[in-house]
Protein backbone atom coordinates (compact mmCIF):
# COMPACT_ATOMS: atom_id res chain seq x y z
CA MET A 1 97.85 164.23 84.58
CA LYS A 2 99.53 163.68 81.25
CA LYS A 3 99.80 159.95 81.96
CA LEU A 4 96.10 159.84 82.81
CA SER A 5 95.16 161.66 79.60
CA LEU A 6 97.30 159.25 77.61
CA LEU A 7 95.60 156.31 79.29
CA PHE A 8 92.15 157.63 78.38
CA ALA A 9 93.28 158.21 74.80
CA ILE A 10 94.47 154.61 74.50
CA ILE A 11 91.22 153.29 75.96
CA ALA A 12 89.19 155.42 73.55
CA LEU A 13 91.25 154.19 70.61
CA ILE A 14 90.88 150.50 71.37
CA SER A 15 87.17 150.97 72.08
CA THR A 16 86.34 152.36 68.64
CA PRO A 17 84.32 150.12 66.27
CA SER A 18 87.19 149.95 63.78
CA CYS A 19 89.38 148.30 66.38
CA LEU A 20 86.69 145.88 67.45
CA MET A 21 85.79 144.74 63.94
CA LYS A 22 86.97 141.28 62.99
CA PRO A 23 89.02 140.91 59.80
CA GLU A 24 86.82 140.11 56.81
CA LYS A 25 86.75 136.42 55.96
CA ARG A 26 88.41 135.80 52.61
CA ILE A 27 86.86 133.30 50.22
CA PRO A 28 89.76 131.12 49.03
CA ALA A 29 90.31 131.07 45.28
CA LYS A 30 93.24 130.10 43.11
CA ILE A 31 94.24 129.53 39.53
CA THR A 32 94.49 125.78 39.04
CA PHE A 33 95.14 125.51 35.29
CA THR A 34 96.55 127.71 32.52
CA SER A 35 97.15 127.10 28.85
CA GLY A 36 98.61 129.71 26.53
CA THR A 37 98.96 133.33 27.57
CA VAL A 38 97.12 134.02 30.82
CA LEU A 39 97.63 137.24 32.78
CA HIS A 40 96.89 137.90 36.43
CA ASN A 41 96.91 141.63 37.17
CA GLY A 42 98.96 142.17 34.03
CA LYS A 43 101.62 139.56 34.80
CA ALA A 44 101.99 135.95 33.70
CA ALA A 45 99.65 133.78 35.76
CA GLN A 46 100.90 130.70 37.55
CA SER A 47 99.02 127.56 38.56
CA GLY A 48 98.40 127.67 42.30
CA GLN A 49 98.36 131.46 42.39
CA ALA A 50 95.78 133.00 44.75
CA VAL A 51 93.05 135.21 43.31
CA ARG A 52 91.73 138.00 45.52
CA HIS A 53 89.02 140.65 45.45
CA GLY A 54 89.72 143.20 42.72
CA ASP A 55 92.12 141.00 40.74
CA ILE A 56 91.93 140.97 36.94
CA VAL A 57 92.45 137.74 35.02
CA GLN A 58 92.84 137.75 31.24
CA THR A 59 93.33 135.05 28.62
CA GLY A 60 94.92 135.57 25.22
CA PRO A 61 94.20 133.94 21.84
CA ARG A 62 93.86 130.14 22.07
CA ALA A 63 94.38 130.36 25.84
CA SER A 64 92.34 129.08 28.76
CA CYS A 65 92.36 129.20 32.53
CA SER A 66 90.57 127.61 35.49
CA ILE A 67 89.87 129.34 38.79
CA VAL A 68 88.64 127.21 41.69
CA ILE A 69 86.67 129.09 44.35
CA ASP A 70 86.11 127.67 47.82
CA ASP A 71 86.91 124.10 46.76
CA LYS A 72 83.73 123.07 44.88
CA ASN A 73 83.10 125.99 42.51
CA ILE A 74 84.98 126.61 39.28
CA VAL A 75 85.21 129.27 36.58
CA GLY A 76 86.67 128.12 33.28
CA MET A 77 87.85 131.01 31.10
CA ARG A 78 87.92 130.63 27.34
CA GLU A 79 90.25 132.50 25.00
CA ASP A 80 90.27 136.32 24.79
CA ALA A 81 88.36 136.71 28.05
CA ILE A 82 88.72 139.34 30.78
CA LEU A 83 87.14 139.16 34.21
CA VAL A 84 87.36 141.17 37.40
CA TYR A 85 87.19 138.98 40.50
CA LYS A 86 84.94 140.75 43.02
CA ILE A 87 84.14 137.91 45.37
CA LYS A 88 84.32 138.57 49.11
CA SER A 89 82.61 137.22 52.21
CA ASP A 90 79.41 139.28 51.94
CA ASP A 91 79.06 139.43 48.15
CA ALA A 92 80.14 137.15 45.29
CA LEU A 93 80.45 138.81 41.90
CA ILE A 94 82.40 137.96 38.75
CA ASP A 95 82.45 140.99 36.46
CA LEU A 96 82.89 139.63 32.92
CA LYS A 97 84.28 142.30 30.65
CA ARG A 98 84.84 140.15 27.58
CA GLY A 99 84.78 136.56 26.38
CA PHE A 100 83.14 133.36 27.61
CA LEU A 101 83.10 131.44 30.88
CA GLY A 102 82.03 127.93 31.83
CA ILE A 103 80.89 127.93 35.46
CA ILE A 104 79.95 125.24 37.97
CA VAL A 105 78.62 126.22 41.40
CA LYS A 106 78.33 123.37 43.89
CA ASN A 107 79.41 124.87 47.21
CA GLU A 108 77.42 128.04 47.81
CA LYS A 109 77.81 127.93 51.60
CA ASN A 110 80.28 130.82 51.64
CA LEU A 111 79.27 132.44 48.34
CA VAL A 112 76.68 135.06 49.19
CA ASN A 113 74.58 135.83 46.10
CA PHE A 114 76.99 134.42 43.50
CA ARG A 115 76.61 136.37 40.24
CA VAL A 116 78.23 136.93 36.88
CA SER A 117 77.62 140.33 35.31
CA THR A 118 77.90 141.37 31.67
CA PRO A 119 76.93 144.66 30.02
CA THR A 120 73.42 143.37 29.27
CA VAL A 121 72.54 140.77 31.91
CA THR A 122 73.47 139.42 35.33
CA ALA A 123 73.23 135.71 36.11
CA SER A 124 72.97 134.35 39.65
CA ALA A 125 73.28 130.68 40.49
CA ARG A 126 73.18 128.07 43.23
CA ASP A 127 74.07 124.44 42.51
CA ALA A 128 74.13 124.91 38.74
CA SER A 129 76.32 124.59 35.66
CA PHE A 130 76.13 127.30 33.02
CA PHE A 131 78.02 128.92 30.17
CA ILE A 132 77.95 132.68 29.65
CA GLY A 133 79.71 135.21 27.49
CA THR A 134 79.63 138.38 25.44
CA GLU A 135 79.59 138.01 21.67
CA THR A 136 79.61 141.81 21.46
CA PRO A 137 79.28 144.45 24.21
CA ASP A 138 75.53 144.56 23.46
CA LYS A 139 74.95 140.82 23.11
CA THR A 140 75.21 138.20 25.87
CA TYR A 141 74.83 134.47 25.34
CA THR A 142 73.78 132.30 28.29
CA CYS A 143 73.31 128.54 28.35
CA ILE A 144 71.82 126.90 31.41
CA CYS A 145 73.67 123.63 30.98
CA ASN A 146 72.32 121.88 34.06
CA GLY A 147 70.37 123.26 36.99
CA ALA A 148 68.65 126.59 37.48
CA ILE A 149 69.83 130.19 37.37
CA LEU A 150 68.26 133.62 37.65
CA LEU A 151 68.81 136.23 34.94
CA ARG A 152 68.26 139.96 35.38
CA VAL A 153 68.55 142.20 32.35
CA LYS A 154 70.21 145.58 32.52
CA GLY A 155 67.85 148.26 33.84
CA SER A 156 65.41 145.77 35.38
CA ASN A 157 64.77 144.95 39.03
CA ARG A 158 63.17 141.58 38.29
CA ASP A 159 64.81 138.16 38.05
CA GLU A 160 63.67 135.54 35.55
CA ARG A 161 64.26 131.88 36.40
CA TYR A 162 65.66 129.49 33.81
CA ALA A 163 66.11 125.76 34.39
CA ALA A 164 67.31 122.83 32.31
CA ALA A 165 68.57 119.30 32.73
CA HIS A 166 70.51 119.43 29.46
CA HIS A 167 71.16 122.88 27.98
CA ARG A 168 68.82 125.77 27.38
CA ALA A 169 70.30 128.81 25.66
CA VAL A 170 69.17 132.42 25.38
CA TYR A 171 70.54 135.67 24.05
CA HIS A 172 70.06 139.10 25.63
CA ILE A 173 70.60 141.86 23.11
CA LEU A 174 70.65 145.62 23.74
CA ARG A 175 68.94 147.60 20.98
CA GLY A 176 67.57 151.11 21.16
CA GLY A 177 68.27 151.33 24.87
CA THR A 178 66.28 148.17 25.69
CA VAL A 179 67.51 144.64 26.35
CA LYS A 180 65.44 141.95 24.62
CA GLU A 181 65.57 138.19 25.00
CA HIS A 182 66.02 135.91 21.98
CA PRO A 183 66.15 132.11 21.83
CA GLY A 184 69.55 130.50 21.37
CA GLU A 185 71.12 127.13 20.74
CA GLN A 186 73.90 125.23 22.45
CA GLY A 187 77.16 126.52 21.02
CA ARG A 188 80.81 127.19 21.83
CA HIS A 189 80.72 124.41 24.45
CA THR A 190 79.89 120.72 24.69
CA ASP A 191 78.82 118.29 27.39
CA ARG A 192 82.42 117.14 27.62
CA ASP A 193 83.68 120.70 28.13
CA MET A 194 81.46 121.10 31.18
CA GLU A 195 82.24 117.61 32.46
CA LYS A 196 85.97 118.39 32.35
CA LEU A 197 85.36 121.43 34.55
CA ALA A 198 83.34 119.28 36.94
CA GLU A 199 86.16 116.76 37.13
CA GLU A 200 88.59 119.49 38.19
CA ILE A 201 86.57 119.94 41.40
CA ASN A 202 85.61 116.27 41.75
CA VAL A 203 81.90 116.65 41.13
CA ARG A 204 79.56 115.07 38.62
CA ILE A 205 76.91 116.68 36.42
CA ASP A 206 73.63 114.76 36.44
CA TRP A 207 72.29 115.42 32.94
CA ALA A 208 68.96 113.78 33.85
CA LYS A 209 68.18 116.24 36.64
CA ALA A 210 67.10 119.84 36.25
CA GLY A 211 67.41 122.51 38.92
CA GLN A 212 64.93 122.78 41.74
């Protein structure tokens, strides 16, 4: 009787949904370049080091870092930047806490709803190159370098589309509890800066073509 009860218990255990669930597919990402002081979860980062969901990457003064995600997507961190890597198989989020990022998205096959969030705005992109960062906690700068992205300001449920063949910049500034858009200019990055990122993942930016 005891053996029979044990058998039923084992069958019940292996039949539960948790046992039948497949392991979550991990989106491969790794640090491919570091210059200066770069920390990965508080320790010195190394080129080739894997980056996983929940990891924190930080650059110091005059430092930089590249993170390649799923082969044809890259995040280039500028100095004094902090990000939390929250990309997984069913959601793709970079939580930017401080600093500036150059980003190229070319392989969105496995990146579900790729986004970069700041305190004032969230940018989502497919097949685009853009530059985004926080000048202050209440002020985000975004440049659509090439392609098209969607921007959603804090507290809104509506996306606004922005497209450019060769740089279009905007600020989103929080004042009095409301985020307002202001025109910007290309700054803190050049064509060559973005082209260098593209070269790291063996893609080319077509400056004559805007996003669809």
